[in-house]
Amino acid sequence: MKKKNIYYWSPHLTEIATSKAVINSAYSINRYSNDYSAKIIDAGGEFKKKIDEIKLKKINLIRLYRFNYISFLPKFGKFLSRLSFCIIFILSFFRLRDLLVKKNPDFLIIHLITSLPIILFNIFNFNTKCILRISGYPYFGKVRLFLWRILLKKIYIVTCPTFATYEYLKSLNIVPIEKLKILYDPIISVNEINNLKNQKKQFNHHNFIIAIGRLTKQKNFIFLISCFREINKNYPDLKLLIFGSGEQKNHMQKKILEYSLKDEIILLPFTKNIYPYLKDANCFVLTSLWEDPGFVLLEAAFCRTFIISSNCPNGPKEIVKKNKAGFVYEMSDKKDFLDKFKLFMSMPDIEKLKYKKNALKTSSKFTLFSHYSELNKILL
C-alpha cells in the first residue's frame, strides 16, 4: 500500500529548538509508521547546518531554492529579522503553492512563518490538510486575534505543546474545540542522548551551573548574571556556563566585565552536543520570560540534572512545579531566585535525587515514540 505524504514547513533564521522538533517529528513518522512518509521543506537553506543529521535519519529534504539565501539575511534585531521574514514570505509564496499543487501531500504541518501557508490555504483550494503546530507561547493583540479567527477556518487541526497553551487557546475561541489538540514535542531521543551525553566535553570545567539558549531578551540572561554576582560571594569556586548566541551577547559581556566576573561567568557558543555539560552540571538554570514547553528544560530532566526555573508561562509551571521536578521561583524575582538556589545548595543529595527522578519521569511524555503515538491519532 502506498504511504501517505506528510510535509513539514518551518523556515527559521537562527539555530532554534523548533528545527530540532521538526526533524525529530519527521523522523518519528518515518521510523514508526507503516502508513505515512515524512519530508521537510527547505525554503532557502535554513536546514543547511542540519543536513548531516537529516541524511543520517534518512529524511527527504525538498528544496524550494538551490541557493541558500537565508544565510545572507539579517538575523537579529526586531526590524531586520521581520524584514527577513517578509523576504522569505515573498520568495516562497508561489513556490510553496506550486509544490502543494504538484505533489499534493496528504498533510502539511506548519511550525514557523505560518502566515504564508495559512494565507495560501485561504486563497487556494488544496487537497492537502493543513495542521498548525503552535511553537512557543502565543501572544494575541486584537488585530491578530481577529485575523486568526477568520483565517484558521481552513486549518484542519491546531496542536498545542502544553496543556496550559491548550486551555489558553480554548478560552480565546479562535477554532472549534474539536480542532484543538495537545501534542507534546518530540524532544527526547532516548538512544541518541544516552550515547551523546557520555562523549568528552570540549571545555573542561568542573563545579559549574549551566544555562542554555539564544542570547535574547526572552531568556533573561542579564537577570541571571546579576544573580550570579551575589552567588559568587558565597560560592567563589562555582562557575556559570552560558551556551548560546544572539543579539544580547555584547550587552552580557559588558555586564560580566562590570561585575568583575570574567573568570566566573563563561559565555560559550552554541554547541551541538550539550548533553555532557548537562550531565556534569550541578544544576540547570532557566530564567526565561516565556517558554512553551522549554526543550532544554526537558533535556536537562532526562540527563538527571537538577532544575531551577522561573515560573514563566507555560512549560516550566506545567513541567517542573506541577510534577515537583525541580525548584520554581517567581519570574525576575532576585530574592526568590537566590533563596531557591541557597536551598538547593544546602539540600542533601538524597533529597535532590527525588526531584531528579520526578523530572526524568516527566520527560518520558516528550520522547519520539510518545510524540508519534499522539500525532498518529491526529492523522487518522
Protein backbone atom coordinates (compact mmCIF):
# COMPACT_ATOMS: atom_id res chain seq x y z
CA MET A 1 0.00 0.00 0.00
CA LYS A 2 1.30 3.45 -0.96
CA LYS A 3 2.21 5.60 2.01
CA LYS A 4 0.54 8.96 2.59
CA ASN A 5 2.85 12.00 2.46
CA ILE A 6 3.39 14.48 5.29
CA TYR A 7 5.34 17.68 4.57
CA TYR A 8 6.83 19.93 7.26
CA TRP A 9 7.14 23.73 6.91
CA SER A 10 9.40 25.61 9.35
CA PRO A 11 11.61 28.40 7.89
CA HIS A 12 13.89 29.98 10.51
CA LEU A 13 16.84 32.38 10.65
CA THR A 14 18.90 31.05 13.57
CA GLU A 15 19.51 27.79 15.42
CA ILE A 16 16.33 27.25 17.44
CA ALA A 17 14.71 24.32 19.20
CA THR A 18 11.80 24.23 16.76
CA SER A 19 14.03 22.98 13.94
CA LYS A 20 15.03 20.06 16.13
CA ALA A 21 11.36 19.32 16.83
CA VAL A 22 10.61 19.30 13.11
CA ILE A 23 13.44 16.86 12.35
CA ASN A 24 12.51 14.61 15.26
CA SER A 25 8.83 14.64 14.36
CA ALA A 26 9.55 13.70 10.73
CA TYR A 27 11.99 11.05 11.89
CA SER A 28 9.46 9.55 14.32
CA ILE A 29 6.92 9.23 11.49
CA ASN A 30 9.39 7.52 9.17
CA ARG A 31 10.70 5.27 11.91
CA TYR A 32 7.47 4.05 13.48
CA SER A 33 4.75 4.40 10.85
CA ASN A 34 3.78 1.96 8.12
CA ASP A 35 1.18 4.35 6.72
CA TYR A 36 2.97 7.69 6.38
CA SER A 37 6.16 9.12 4.88
CA ALA A 38 7.51 12.45 6.17
CA LYS A 39 9.52 15.06 4.24
CA ILE A 40 10.84 18.50 5.24
CA ILE A 41 10.52 21.59 3.04
CA ASP A 42 13.63 23.79 2.96
CA ALA A 43 12.55 27.32 2.00
CA GLY A 44 16.02 28.74 1.39
CA GLY A 45 18.76 26.91 3.24
CA GLU A 46 17.52 27.05 6.83
CA PHE A 47 18.26 23.33 7.29
CA LYS A 48 21.76 23.51 5.77
CA LYS A 49 23.50 23.14 9.15
CA LYS A 50 21.31 20.14 9.94
CA ILE A 51 21.91 18.34 6.65
CA ASP A 52 24.15 15.62 8.14
CA GLU A 53 21.53 14.81 10.78
CA ILE A 54 18.75 14.82 8.18
CA LYS A 55 20.71 12.42 5.94
CA LEU A 56 21.57 10.18 8.89
CA LYS A 57 17.88 9.95 9.79
CA LYS A 58 17.00 9.32 6.13
CA ILE A 59 14.57 12.22 5.83
CA ASN A 60 13.93 13.62 2.35
CA LEU A 61 14.54 17.36 2.09
CA ILE A 62 12.52 19.30 -0.50
CA ARG A 63 14.35 22.46 -1.58
CA LEU A 64 12.34 25.41 -2.85
CA TYR A 65 15.62 27.05 -3.95
CA ARG A 66 19.03 25.60 -4.74
CA PHE A 67 20.61 28.82 -3.48
CA ASN A 68 20.81 29.06 0.34
CA TYR A 69 19.72 32.69 0.50
CA ILE A 70 18.56 32.61 4.14
CA SER A 71 22.19 32.52 5.33
CA PHE A 72 22.62 36.03 3.87
CA LEU A 73 19.55 37.56 5.51
CA PRO A 74 19.87 39.66 8.69
CA LYS A 75 19.21 37.50 11.75
CA PHE A 76 18.94 39.83 14.73
CA GLY A 77 17.03 42.94 15.69
CA LYS A 78 13.27 43.31 15.70
CA PHE A 79 13.04 45.30 12.45
CA LEU A 80 15.72 43.42 10.48
CA SER A 81 14.50 39.95 11.46
CA ARG A 82 10.95 40.88 10.45
CA LEU A 83 12.29 42.19 7.16
CA SER A 84 13.94 38.79 6.63
CA PHE A 85 10.66 37.02 7.36
CA CYS A 86 8.95 39.21 4.75
CA ILE A 87 11.61 38.28 2.17
CA ILE A 88 11.12 34.56 2.92
CA PHE A 89 7.35 35.04 2.65
CA ILE A 90 7.59 36.73 -0.77
CA LEU A 91 10.18 34.35 -2.23
CA SER A 92 8.32 31.25 -1.02
CA PHE A 93 4.75 32.26 -1.88
CA PHE A 94 4.43 30.82 -5.39
CA ARG A 95 6.98 28.05 -4.94
CA LEU A 96 5.16 26.63 -1.94
CA ARG A 97 1.84 26.97 -3.73
CA ASP A 98 3.19 25.15 -6.82
CA LEU A 99 4.71 22.42 -4.63
CA LEU A 100 1.37 21.76 -2.91
CA VAL A 101 -0.44 21.67 -6.25
CA LYS A 102 2.11 19.41 -7.96
CA LYS A 103 2.94 16.98 -5.14
CA ASN A 104 -0.42 17.10 -3.40
CA PRO A 105 0.76 15.85 0.03
CA ASP A 106 -1.89 14.49 2.36
CA PHE A 107 -0.80 16.74 5.25
CA LEU A 108 1.25 19.91 5.66
CA ILE A 109 2.42 20.52 9.25
CA ILE A 110 3.44 24.16 9.75
CA HIS A 111 5.61 25.46 12.61
CA LEU A 112 7.16 28.84 11.74
CA ILE A 113 6.32 31.71 9.35
CA THR A 114 2.91 30.09 9.44
CA SER A 115 1.23 33.17 7.96
CA LEU A 116 2.33 32.10 4.47
CA PRO A 117 0.72 28.64 4.32
CA ILE A 118 -2.31 29.90 6.26
CA ILE A 119 -2.90 32.62 3.65
CA LEU A 120 -2.27 30.18 0.79
CA PHE A 121 -4.90 27.81 2.18
CA ASN A 122 -7.37 30.69 2.38
CA ILE A 123 -6.72 31.79 -1.22
CA PHE A 124 -6.42 28.43 -2.98
CA ASN A 125 -8.21 25.12 -2.68
CA PHE A 126 -5.72 22.36 -1.91
CA ASN A 127 -6.48 18.71 -1.29
CA THR A 128 -3.84 18.83 1.45
CA LYS A 129 -4.91 19.11 5.08
CA CYS A 130 -3.00 21.79 6.99
CA ILE A 131 -2.02 21.23 10.63
CA LEU A 132 -0.90 24.33 12.55
CA ARG A 133 1.68 23.49 15.18
CA ILE A 134 1.86 26.19 17.85
CA SER A 135 5.58 26.73 18.54
CA GLY A 136 6.29 28.83 21.60
CA TYR A 137 3.92 30.81 23.76
CA PRO A 138 1.43 32.69 21.52
CA TYR A 139 0.62 36.37 22.08
CA PHE A 140 -2.53 37.89 20.60
CA GLY A 141 -3.36 41.51 20.03
CA LYS A 142 -6.86 42.44 18.91
CA VAL A 143 -5.91 42.54 15.21
CA ARG A 144 -4.09 39.20 15.27
CA LEU A 145 -6.92 37.59 17.21
CA PHE A 146 -9.47 38.87 14.66
CA LEU A 147 -7.41 37.60 11.71
CA TRP A 148 -6.78 34.19 13.25
CA ARG A 149 -10.50 33.63 13.86
CA ILE A 150 -11.09 34.18 10.16
CA LEU A 151 -8.03 32.51 8.64
CA LEU A 152 -7.94 29.39 10.81
CA LYS A 153 -11.23 28.18 9.36
CA LYS A 154 -9.22 26.46 6.61
CA ILE A 155 -6.88 24.76 9.10
CA TYR A 156 -7.53 21.07 9.75
CA ILE A 157 -6.07 20.83 13.29
CA VAL A 158 -4.23 23.16 15.71
CA THR A 159 -1.82 21.40 18.07
CA CYS A 160 -0.53 22.82 21.37
CA PRO A 161 2.77 21.91 23.06
CA THR A 162 1.40 22.19 26.62
CA PHE A 163 -1.92 21.82 28.43
CA ALA A 164 -1.72 25.47 29.53
CA THR A 165 -1.48 26.67 25.92
CA TYR A 166 -4.39 24.39 25.00
CA GLU A 167 -6.52 25.96 27.74
CA TYR A 168 -5.43 29.45 26.69
CA LEU A 169 -6.36 28.94 23.02
CA LYS A 170 -9.62 27.28 24.04
CA SER A 171 -10.53 30.36 26.08
CA LEU A 172 -9.92 32.60 23.04
CA ASN A 173 -12.38 30.60 20.94
CA ILE A 174 -10.33 31.02 17.76
CA VAL A 175 -11.02 27.50 16.47
CA PRO A 176 -13.71 24.92 17.27
CA ILE A 177 -12.74 22.83 20.27
CA GLU A 178 -12.66 19.63 18.20
CA LYS A 179 -9.84 21.13 16.10
CA LEU A 180 -7.68 21.84 19.15
CA LYS A 181 -5.28 19.09 20.31
CA ILE A 182 -2.39 18.68 22.74
CA LEU A 183 0.75 17.29 21.10
CA TYR A 184 3.94 17.18 23.16
CA ASP A 185 7.14 17.95 21.26
CA PRO A 186 9.49 15.08 20.26
CA ILE A 187 12.41 16.34 22.32
CA ILE A 188 13.87 13.18 23.81
CA SER A 189 15.59 10.70 21.52
CA VAL A 190 16.49 8.15 24.19
CA ASN A 191 19.28 6.23 22.44
CA GLU A 192 20.79 9.35 20.88
CA ILE A 193 21.03 11.30 24.15
CA ASN A 194 22.33 8.31 26.09
CA ASN A 195 25.15 7.95 23.55
CA LEU A 196 25.95 11.66 23.27
CA LYS A 197 26.00 12.50 26.97
CA ASN A 198 28.99 10.22 27.56
CA GLN A 199 31.17 11.92 24.95
CA LYS A 200 34.09 14.06 26.07
CA LYS A 201 33.42 17.75 26.73
CA GLN A 202 35.23 20.32 24.57
CA PHE A 203 35.50 22.72 27.51
CA ASN A 204 36.82 21.05 30.63
CA HIS A 205 35.04 22.77 33.53
CA HIS A 206 34.13 21.38 36.94
CA ASN A 207 31.84 22.64 39.70
CA PHE A 208 29.53 24.66 37.48
CA ILE A 209 25.92 25.52 36.86
CA ILE A 210 24.62 25.77 33.32
CA ALA A 211 22.22 27.90 31.29
CA ILE A 212 21.44 27.34 27.61
CA GLY A 213 19.58 29.31 24.94
CA ARG A 214 19.61 32.14 22.45
CA LEU A 215 21.13 35.30 23.92
CA THR A 216 17.90 37.27 23.68
CA LYS A 217 15.62 39.23 25.98
CA GLN A 218 13.32 36.21 26.28
CA LYS A 219 15.98 34.12 28.03
CA ASN A 220 16.59 36.86 30.65
CA PHE A 221 20.29 36.12 30.99
CA ILE A 222 21.06 39.64 32.25
CA PHE A 223 18.96 38.78 35.30
CA LEU A 224 20.93 35.55 35.75
CA ILE A 225 24.26 37.39 35.53
CA SER A 226 23.07 39.84 38.18
CA CYS A 227 22.02 36.97 40.44
CA PHE A 228 25.29 35.13 39.94
CA ARG A 229 27.11 38.22 41.17
CA GLU A 230 25.55 37.51 44.57
CA ILE A 231 26.03 33.74 44.30
CA ASN A 232 29.75 34.22 43.66
CA LYS A 233 30.17 35.93 47.03
CA ASN A 234 29.05 32.76 48.84
CA TYR A 235 30.37 30.18 46.39
CA PRO A 236 33.56 31.66 44.87
CA ASP A 237 34.66 28.36 43.30
CA LEU A 238 31.42 27.93 41.35
CA LYS A 239 31.32 28.78 37.63
CA LEU A 240 28.36 29.75 35.45
CA LEU A 241 28.47 28.44 31.87
CA ILE A 242 26.04 30.07 29.40
CA PHE A 243 25.77 28.39 25.99
CA GLY A 244 24.24 30.26 23.06
CA SER A 245 24.47 33.07 20.54
CA GLY A 246 22.33 36.13 19.87
CA GLU A 247 21.96 39.88 19.86
CA GLN A 248 22.47 40.36 23.61
CA LYS A 249 25.95 38.87 23.67
CA ASN A 250 27.80 42.22 23.79
CA HIS A 251 25.46 43.53 26.48
CA MET A 252 26.05 40.40 28.55
CA GLN A 253 29.81 40.64 28.14
CA LYS A 254 29.74 44.24 29.35
CA LYS A 255 27.76 43.25 32.44
CA ILE A 256 30.18 40.42 33.19
CA LEU A 257 33.13 42.81 33.00
CA GLU A 258 31.25 45.43 35.03
CA TYR A 259 30.75 42.87 37.83
CA SER A 260 34.36 41.62 37.55
CA LEU A 261 33.17 38.10 36.80
CA LYS A 262 35.03 37.35 33.55
CA ASP A 263 36.67 34.26 35.10
CA GLU A 264 33.48 33.08 36.83
CA ILE A 265 30.88 33.51 34.05
CA ILE A 266 31.89 31.91 30.78
CA LEU A 267 29.98 32.55 27.56
CA LEU A 268 30.26 29.62 25.19
CA PRO A 269 28.95 29.28 21.63
CA PHE A 270 26.03 27.14 20.51
CA THR A 271 27.15 23.54 20.98
CA LYS A 272 25.59 20.64 19.08
CA ASN A 273 26.21 18.16 21.88
CA ILE A 274 25.20 19.90 25.09
CA TYR A 275 24.44 16.68 26.98
CA PRO A 276 27.88 16.03 28.59
CA TYR A 277 27.66 19.51 30.15
CA LEU A 278 24.11 18.95 31.37
CA LYS A 279 25.11 15.58 32.84
CA ASP A 280 28.05 17.06 34.78
CA ALA A 281 26.45 20.35 35.87
CA ASN A 282 25.49 20.96 39.49
CA CYS A 283 22.18 22.24 38.20
CA PHE A 284 20.47 23.68 35.14
CA VAL A 285 19.04 27.21 35.45
CA LEU A 286 16.23 28.55 33.27
CA THR A 287 15.48 32.27 33.73
CA SER A 288 13.21 32.78 30.71
CA LEU A 289 10.31 35.20 30.47
CA TRP A 290 8.33 32.61 28.49
CA GLU A 291 8.85 29.04 27.24
CA ASP A 292 6.48 26.57 25.66
CA PRO A 293 7.46 24.00 26.68
CA GLY A 294 11.22 24.61 27.03
CA PHE A 295 13.23 22.00 25.13
CA VAL A 296 16.43 22.26 27.13
CA LEU A 297 14.39 22.03 30.33
CA LEU A 298 13.30 18.54 29.33
CA GLU A 299 16.75 17.58 28.09
CA ALA A 300 18.11 18.57 31.50
CA ALA A 301 15.40 16.45 33.13
CA PHE A 302 16.33 13.44 31.02
CA CYS A 303 20.04 13.94 31.84
CA ARG A 304 19.10 13.81 35.56
CA THR A 305 20.25 17.38 36.13
CA PHE A 306 18.60 19.31 38.96
CA ILE A 307 16.40 22.13 37.60
CA ILE A 308 15.88 25.66 38.92
CA SER A 309 13.40 27.52 36.72
CA SER A 310 11.35 30.68 36.57
CA ASN A 311 7.58 30.23 36.72
CA CYS A 312 7.18 31.78 33.27
CA PRO A 313 4.33 30.67 31.02
CA ASN A 314 3.80 27.97 30.02
CA GLY A 315 6.13 25.00 30.13
CA PRO A 316 8.08 25.35 33.41
CA LYS A 317 5.00 25.68 35.59
CA GLU A 318 3.48 22.61 33.99
CA ILE A 319 6.62 20.50 33.72
CA VAL A 320 8.58 21.43 36.85
CA LYS A 321 6.27 22.88 39.50
CA LYS A 322 3.29 20.61 38.95
CA ASN A 323 5.46 17.48 39.00
CA LYS A 324 7.84 18.55 41.76
CA ALA A 325 10.63 18.06 39.26
CA GLY A 326 12.82 20.91 40.50
CA PHE A 327 12.59 24.36 42.10
CA VAL A 328 10.48 27.13 40.60
CA TYR A 329 10.98 30.78 41.57
CA GLU A 330 8.93 33.89 40.84
CA MET A 331 9.99 35.18 37.44
CA SER A 332 12.55 38.03 37.64
CA ASP A 333 12.39 37.99 41.47
CA LYS A 334 16.02 38.13 42.52
CA LYS A 335 15.42 37.38 46.20
CA ASP A 336 13.27 34.35 45.45
CA PHE A 337 15.82 33.03 42.96
CA LEU A 338 18.69 33.40 45.44
CA ASP A 339 16.64 31.80 48.21
CA LYS A 340 15.84 28.81 45.99
CA PHE A 341 19.47 28.50 44.92
CA LYS A 342 20.65 28.58 48.53
CA LEU A 343 18.10 25.89 49.40
CA PHE A 344 19.36 23.76 46.52
CA MET A 345 23.00 24.10 47.60
CA SER A 346 22.17 23.06 51.17
CA MET A 347 19.95 20.13 50.19
CA PRO A 348 21.25 16.57 50.82
CA ASP A 349 21.93 14.54 47.67
CA ILE A 350 19.25 12.01 48.62
CA GLU A 351 16.63 14.79 48.53
CA LYS A 352 17.89 16.12 45.21
CA LEU A 353 17.57 12.62 43.79
CA LYS A 354 13.79 12.62 44.42
CA TYR A 355 13.37 15.74 42.29
CA LYS A 356 15.59 14.32 39.56
CA LYS A 357 13.54 11.12 39.41
CA ASN A 358 10.31 13.12 39.09
CA ALA A 359 11.88 15.17 36.29
CA LEU A 360 13.03 12.05 34.46
CA LYS A 361 9.54 10.57 34.69
CA THR A 362 8.03 13.79 33.31
CA SER A 363 10.43 13.82 30.34
CA SER A 364 9.04 10.46 29.16
CA LYS A 365 5.99 12.28 27.71
CA PHE A 366 8.33 14.02 25.28
CA THR A 367 10.07 11.04 23.68
CA LEU A 368 9.95 10.47 19.93
CA PHE A 369 7.70 7.43 20.29
CA SER A 370 5.25 9.22 22.60
CA HIS A 371 5.07 12.08 20.10
CA TYR A 372 4.49 9.71 17.18
CA SER A 373 1.75 7.86 19.04
CA GLU A 374 -0.21 11.06 19.68
CA LEU A 375 0.40 12.50 16.21
CA ASN A 376 -0.79 9.28 14.63
CA LYS A 377 -4.13 9.66 16.43
CA ILE A 378 -4.48 13.16 14.96
CA LEU A 379 -3.70 11.99 11.44
CA LEU A 380 -6.27 9.19 11.45
